[in-house]
Amino acid sequence: MNKIKLFLVLGAIGFFVVVVGTFLLTAGRTVGQSLFGRDFAEGQLRDYVSSVLRQEVNGLKCQAVDSDGNGYVACDYTTSGQPNVPRSIECAAWGMDGFLNRGCKTRLPNFGNQ
Protein backbone atom coordinates (compact mmCIF):
# COMPACT_ATOMS: atom_id res chain seq x y z
CA MET A 1 0.00 0.00 0.00
CA ASN A 2 2.86 2.38 0.80
CA LYS A 3 4.44 1.75 -2.61
CA ILE A 4 1.23 2.71 -4.38
CA LYS A 5 1.04 5.96 -2.40
CA LEU A 6 4.69 6.67 -3.17
CA PHE A 7 4.11 6.14 -6.91
CA LEU A 8 1.01 8.34 -6.83
CA VAL A 9 2.89 11.12 -5.03
CA LEU A 10 5.86 10.86 -7.42
CA GLY A 11 3.50 10.81 -10.41
CA ALA A 12 1.67 13.89 -9.14
CA ILE A 13 4.96 15.71 -8.54
CA GLY A 14 6.20 14.76 -12.01
CA PHE A 15 2.98 15.96 -13.62
CA PHE A 16 3.16 19.23 -11.68
CA VAL A 17 6.79 19.79 -12.74
CA VAL A 18 5.92 19.21 -16.41
CA VAL A 19 2.90 21.54 -16.34
CA VAL A 20 4.72 24.32 -14.46
CA GLY A 21 7.86 23.91 -16.60
CA THR A 22 5.87 24.18 -19.82
CA PHE A 23 4.11 27.30 -18.55
CA LEU A 24 7.39 28.92 -17.50
CA LEU A 25 9.07 28.15 -20.83
CA THR A 26 6.18 29.64 -22.77
CA ALA A 27 5.78 32.68 -20.55
CA GLY A 28 9.53 33.17 -20.31
CA ARG A 29 9.94 33.13 -24.07
CA THR A 30 7.17 35.68 -24.56
CA VAL A 31 8.46 37.98 -21.82
CA GLY A 32 12.03 37.64 -23.09
CA GLN A 33 11.00 38.43 -26.66
CA SER A 34 9.05 41.46 -25.46
CA LEU A 35 12.10 42.79 -23.59
CA PHE A 36 15.00 41.75 -25.84
CA GLY A 37 13.43 40.62 -29.13
CA ARG A 38 13.57 43.85 -31.11
CA ASP A 39 17.23 44.61 -30.30
CA PHE A 40 18.26 41.02 -31.02
CA ALA A 41 16.48 40.93 -34.41
CA GLU A 42 17.80 44.35 -35.42
CA GLY A 43 21.34 43.21 -34.63
CA GLN A 44 20.81 40.13 -36.79
CA LEU A 45 19.51 42.38 -39.58
CA ARG A 46 22.49 44.74 -39.43
CA ASP A 47 24.89 41.79 -39.59
CA TYR A 48 23.00 40.25 -42.51
CA VAL A 49 22.85 43.43 -44.59
CA SER A 50 26.52 44.25 -44.03
CA SER A 51 27.85 40.75 -44.67
CA VAL A 52 25.49 39.42 -47.36
CA LEU A 53 24.32 42.51 -49.22
CA ARG A 54 27.51 44.48 -48.51
CA GLN A 55 25.53 47.62 -47.76
CA GLU A 56 24.88 49.82 -44.77
CA VAL A 57 21.48 49.95 -43.05
CA ASN A 58 19.86 53.37 -43.28
CA GLY A 59 16.70 52.70 -41.27
CA LEU A 60 15.14 49.57 -39.77
CA LYS A 61 12.24 48.32 -37.69
CA CYS A 62 11.69 44.76 -36.44
CA GLN A 63 8.87 43.14 -34.52
CA ALA A 64 9.75 42.06 -31.02
CA VAL A 65 7.67 38.87 -30.74
CA ASP A 66 7.62 35.83 -33.03
CA SER A 67 3.87 35.71 -33.62
CA ASP A 68 3.76 32.64 -35.88
CA GLY A 69 6.26 30.55 -33.91
CA ASN A 70 8.70 29.90 -36.77
CA GLY A 71 11.72 31.36 -34.96
CA TYR A 72 11.83 34.55 -37.06
CA VAL A 73 10.30 38.02 -36.78
CA ALA A 74 9.37 40.39 -39.60
CA CYS A 75 11.64 43.36 -40.27
CA ASP A 76 11.55 46.27 -42.69
CA TYR A 77 14.65 48.24 -43.62
CA THR A 78 16.25 50.60 -46.09
CA THR A 79 19.89 50.80 -47.11
CA SER A 80 22.09 53.85 -47.51
CA GLY A 81 22.50 53.00 -51.21
CA GLN A 82 18.72 52.99 -51.78
CA PRO A 83 17.13 55.01 -48.95
CA ASN A 84 13.73 55.26 -50.68
CA VAL A 85 13.33 51.51 -51.35
CA PRO A 86 11.88 49.73 -48.30
CA ARG A 87 12.59 46.00 -48.09
CA SER A 88 11.07 43.25 -45.99
CA ILE A 89 12.96 40.35 -44.44
CA GLU A 90 12.62 37.89 -41.55
CA CYS A 91 15.34 37.76 -38.92
CA ALA A 92 15.98 35.37 -36.05
CA ALA A 93 13.80 35.93 -32.99
CA TRP A 94 15.12 36.11 -29.45
CA GLY A 95 14.96 32.76 -27.68
CA MET A 96 16.07 29.20 -28.31
CA ASP A 97 14.76 29.18 -31.90
CA GLY A 98 16.54 32.43 -32.65
CA PHE A 99 19.82 31.24 -31.23
CA LEU A 100 19.58 28.12 -33.39
CA ASN A 101 18.40 29.96 -36.52
CA ARG A 102 20.73 32.97 -36.43
CA GLY A 103 20.71 35.50 -39.24
CA CYS A 104 17.94 36.48 -41.60
CA LYS A 105 16.04 35.02 -44.50
CA THR A 106 14.43 36.87 -47.37
CA ARG A 107 10.80 36.52 -48.29
CA LEU A 108 11.43 36.82 -52.00
CA PRO A 109 13.53 34.34 -54.02
CA ASN A 110 16.81 35.66 -55.47
CA PHE A 111 16.52 38.83 -53.37
CA GLY A 112 20.27 39.09 -52.79
CA ASN A 113 20.95 39.00 -56.55
CA GLN A 114 19.01 42.16 -57.36
C-alpha atoms as a PDB file:
ATOM      1  CA  MET A   1       0.000   0.000   0.000  1.00  0.00           C
ATOM      2  CA  ASN A   2       2.859   2.377   0.804  1.00  0.00           C
ATOM      3  CA  LYS A   3       4.444   1.746  -2.613  1.00  0.00           C
ATOM      4  CA  ILE A   4       1.228   2.714  -4.379  1.00  0.00           C
ATOM      5  CA  LYS A   5       1.037   5.962  -2.399  1.00  0.00           C
ATOM      6  CA  LEU A   6       4.693   6.674  -3.167  1.00  0.00           C
ATOM      7  CA  PHE A   7       4.115   6.141  -6.914  1.00  0.00           C
ATOM      8  CA  LEU A   8       1.012   8.339  -6.828  1.00  0.00           C
ATOM      9  CA  VAL A   9       2.893  11.120  -5.033  1.00  0.00           C
ATOM     10  CA  LEU A  10       5.864  10.858  -7.418  1.00  0.00           C
ATOM     11  CA  GLY A  11       3.496  10.814 -10.409  1.00  0.00           C
ATOM     12  CA  ALA A  12       1.665  13.892  -9.140  1.00  0.00           C
ATOM     13  CA  ILE A  13       4.959  15.711  -8.539  1.00  0.00           C
ATOM     14  CA  GLY A  14       6.203  14.758 -12.012  1.00  0.00           C
ATOM     15  CA  PHE A  15       2.978  15.956 -13.625  1.00  0.00           C
ATOM     16  CA  PHE A  16       3.160  19.226 -11.677  1.00  0.00           C
ATOM     17  CA  VAL A  17       6.791  19.789 -12.742  1.00  0.00           C
ATOM     18  CA  VAL A  18       5.917  19.206 -16.408  1.00  0.00           C
ATOM     19  CA  VAL A  19       2.903  21.542 -16.336  1.00  0.00           C
ATOM     20  CA  VAL A  20       4.717  24.320 -14.459  1.00  0.00           C
ATOM     21  CA  GLY A  21       7.856  23.914 -16.595  1.00  0.00           C
ATOM     22  CA  THR A  22       5.866  24.184 -19.819  1.00  0.00           C
ATOM     23  CA  PHE A  23       4.110  27.304 -18.551  1.00  0.00           C
ATOM     24  CA  LEU A  24       7.395  28.923 -17.495  1.00  0.00           C
ATOM     25  CA  LEU A  25       9.072  28.154 -20.828  1.00  0.00           C
ATOM     26  CA  THR A  26       6.178  29.636 -22.771  1.00  0.00           C
ATOM     27  CA  ALA A  27       5.778  32.682 -20.553  1.00  0.00           C
ATOM     28  CA  GLY A  28       9.534  33.170 -20.309  1.00  0.00           C
ATOM     29  CA  ARG A  29       9.944  33.133 -24.074  1.00  0.00           C
ATOM     30  CA  THR A  30       7.169  35.680 -24.559  1.00  0.00           C
ATOM     31  CA  VAL A  31       8.458  37.980 -21.821  1.00  0.00           C
ATOM     32  CA  GLY A  32      12.028  37.642 -23.087  1.00  0.00           C
ATOM     33  CA  GLN A  33      10.998  38.430 -26.657  1.00  0.00           C
ATOM     34  CA  SER A  34       9.048  41.464 -25.456  1.00  0.00           C
ATOM     35  CA  LEU A  35      12.096  42.792 -23.595  1.00  0.00           C
ATOM     36  CA  PHE A  36      14.996  41.746 -25.844  1.00  0.00           C
ATOM     37  CA  GLY A  37      13.431  40.624 -29.131  1.00  0.00           C
ATOM     38  CA  ARG A  38      13.569  43.851 -31.107  1.00  0.00           C
ATOM     39  CA  ASP A  39      17.229  44.606 -30.303  1.00  0.00           C
ATOM     40  CA  PHE A  40      18.256  41.021 -31.024  1.00  0.00           C
ATOM     41  CA  ALA A  41      16.485  40.925 -34.413  1.00  0.00           C
ATOM     42  CA  GLU A  42      17.795  44.349 -35.421  1.00  0.00           C
ATOM     43  CA  GLY A  43      21.338  43.214 -34.633  1.00  0.00           C
ATOM     44  CA  GLN A  44      20.810  40.129 -36.788  1.00  0.00           C
ATOM     45  CA  LEU A  45      19.509  42.376 -39.576  1.00  0.00           C
ATOM     46  CA  ARG A  46      22.495  44.742 -39.429  1.00  0.00           C
ATOM     47  CA  ASP A  47      24.891  41.792 -39.591  1.00  0.00           C
ATOM     48  CA  TYR A  48      22.995  40.245 -42.507  1.00  0.00           C
ATOM     49  CA  VAL A  49      22.854  43.432 -44.588  1.00  0.00           C
ATOM     50  CA  SER A  50      26.516  44.249 -44.027  1.00  0.00           C
ATOM     51  CA  SER A  51      27.850  40.755 -44.673  1.00  0.00           C
ATOM     52  CA  VAL A  52      25.489  39.417 -47.362  1.00  0.00           C
ATOM     53  CA  LEU A  53      24.315  42.510 -49.215  1.00  0.00           C
ATOM     54  CA  ARG A  54      27.511  44.477 -48.515  1.00  0.00           C
ATOM     55  CA  GLN A  55      25.527  47.620 -47.761  1.00  0.00           C
ATOM     56  CA  GLU A  56      24.882  49.815 -44.769  1.00  0.00           C
ATOM     57  CA  VAL A  57      21.482  49.953 -43.052  1.00  0.00           C
ATOM     58  CA  ASN A  58      19.860  53.370 -43.280  1.00  0.00           C
ATOM     59  CA  GLY A  59      16.699  52.698 -41.265  1.00  0.00           C
ATOM     60  CA  LEU A  60      15.142  49.567 -39.775  1.00  0.00           C
ATOM     61  CA  LYS A  61      12.244  48.324 -37.690  1.00  0.00           C
ATOM     62  CA  CYS A  62      11.693  44.763 -36.443  1.00  0.00           C
ATOM     63  CA  GLN A  63       8.874  43.136 -34.522  1.00  0.00           C
ATOM     64  CA  ALA A  64       9.747  42.055 -31.017  1.00  0.00           C
ATOM     65  CA  VAL A  65       7.665  38.870 -30.744  1.00  0.00           C
ATOM     66  CA  ASP A  66       7.620  35.829 -33.034  1.00  0.00           C
ATOM     67  CA  SER A  67       3.871  35.708 -33.619  1.00  0.00           C
ATOM     68  CA  ASP A  68       3.763  32.637 -35.882  1.00  0.00           C
ATOM     69  CA  GLY A  69       6.262  30.550 -33.914  1.00  0.00           C
ATOM     70  CA  ASN A  70       8.697  29.902 -36.772  1.00  0.00           C
ATOM     71  CA  GLY A  71      11.724  31.364 -34.965  1.00  0.00           C
ATOM     72  CA  TYR A  72      11.828  34.548 -37.060  1.00  0.00           C
ATOM     73  CA  VAL A  73      10.301  38.021 -36.775  1.00  0.00           C
ATOM     74  CA  ALA A  74       9.366  40.388 -39.600  1.00  0.00           C
ATOM     75  CA  CYS A  75      11.645  43.356 -40.269  1.00  0.00           C
ATOM     76  CA  ASP A  76      11.549  46.267 -42.694  1.00  0.00           C
ATOM     77  CA  TYR A  77      14.646  48.239 -43.618  1.00  0.00           C
ATOM     78  CA  THR A  78      16.248  50.602 -46.087  1.00  0.00           C
ATOM     79  CA  THR A  79      19.892  50.800 -47.111  1.00  0.00           C
ATOM     80  CA  SER A  80      22.092  53.851 -47.508  1.00  0.00           C
ATOM     81  CA  GLY A  81      22.499  53.000 -51.206  1.00  0.00           C
ATOM     82  CA  GLN A  82      18.721  52.990 -51.777  1.00  0.00           C
ATOM     83  CA  PRO A  83      17.127  55.009 -48.951  1.00  0.00           C
ATOM     84  CA  ASN A  84      13.732  55.257 -50.681  1.00  0.00           C
ATOM     85  CA  VAL A  85      13.332  51.513 -51.349  1.00  0.00           C
ATOM     86  CA  PRO A  86      11.876  49.726 -48.299  1.00  0.00           C
ATOM     87  CA  ARG A  87      12.590  46.002 -48.085  1.00  0.00           C
ATOM     88  CA  SER A  88      11.073  43.245 -45.986  1.00  0.00           C
ATOM     89  CA  ILE A  89      12.956  40.347 -44.436  1.00  0.00           C
ATOM     90  CA  GLU A  90      12.619  37.889 -41.551  1.00  0.00           C
ATOM     91  CA  CYS A  91      15.342  37.761 -38.921  1.00  0.00           C
ATOM     92  CA  ALA A  92      15.980  35.372 -36.048  1.00  0.00           C
ATOM     93  CA  ALA A  93      13.802  35.932 -32.988  1.00  0.00           C
ATOM     94  CA  TRP A  94      15.120  36.110 -29.446  1.00  0.00           C
ATOM     95  CA  GLY A  95      14.962  32.762 -27.683  1.00  0.00           C
ATOM     96  CA  MET A  96      16.066  29.200 -28.311  1.00  0.00           C
ATOM     97  CA  ASP A  97      14.756  29.176 -31.896  1.00  0.00           C
ATOM     98  CA  GLY A  98      16.544  32.427 -32.655  1.00  0.00           C
ATOM     99  CA  PHE A  99      19.824  31.241 -31.229  1.00  0.00           C
ATOM    100  CA  LEU A 100      19.576  28.123 -33.386  1.00  0.00           C
ATOM    101  CA  ASN A 101      18.396  29.956 -36.524  1.00  0.00           C
ATOM    102  CA  ARG A 102      20.725  32.971 -36.428  1.00  0.00           C
ATOM    103  CA  GLY A 103      20.713  35.505 -39.236  1.00  0.00           C
ATOM    104  CA  CYS A 104      17.941  36.481 -41.596  1.00  0.00           C
ATOM    105  CA  LYS A 105      16.039  35.019 -44.504  1.00  0.00           C
ATOM    106  CA  THR A 106      14.432  36.873 -47.365  1.00  0.00           C
ATOM    107  CA  ARG A 107      10.803  36.515 -48.287  1.00  0.00           C
ATOM    108  CA  LEU A 108      11.425  36.816 -52.002  1.00  0.00           C
ATOM    109  CA  PRO A 109      13.531  34.338 -54.019  1.00  0.00           C
ATOM    110  CA  ASN A 110      16.814  35.661 -55.472  1.00  0.00           C
ATOM    111  CA  PHE A 111      16.517  38.830 -53.371  1.00  0.00           C
ATOM    112  CA  GLY A 112      20.273  39.093 -52.794  1.00  0.00           C
ATOM    113  CA  ASN A 113      20.951  39.001 -56.550  1.00  0.00           C
ATOM    114  CA  GLN A 114      19.010  42.161 -57.363  1.00  0.00           C
END
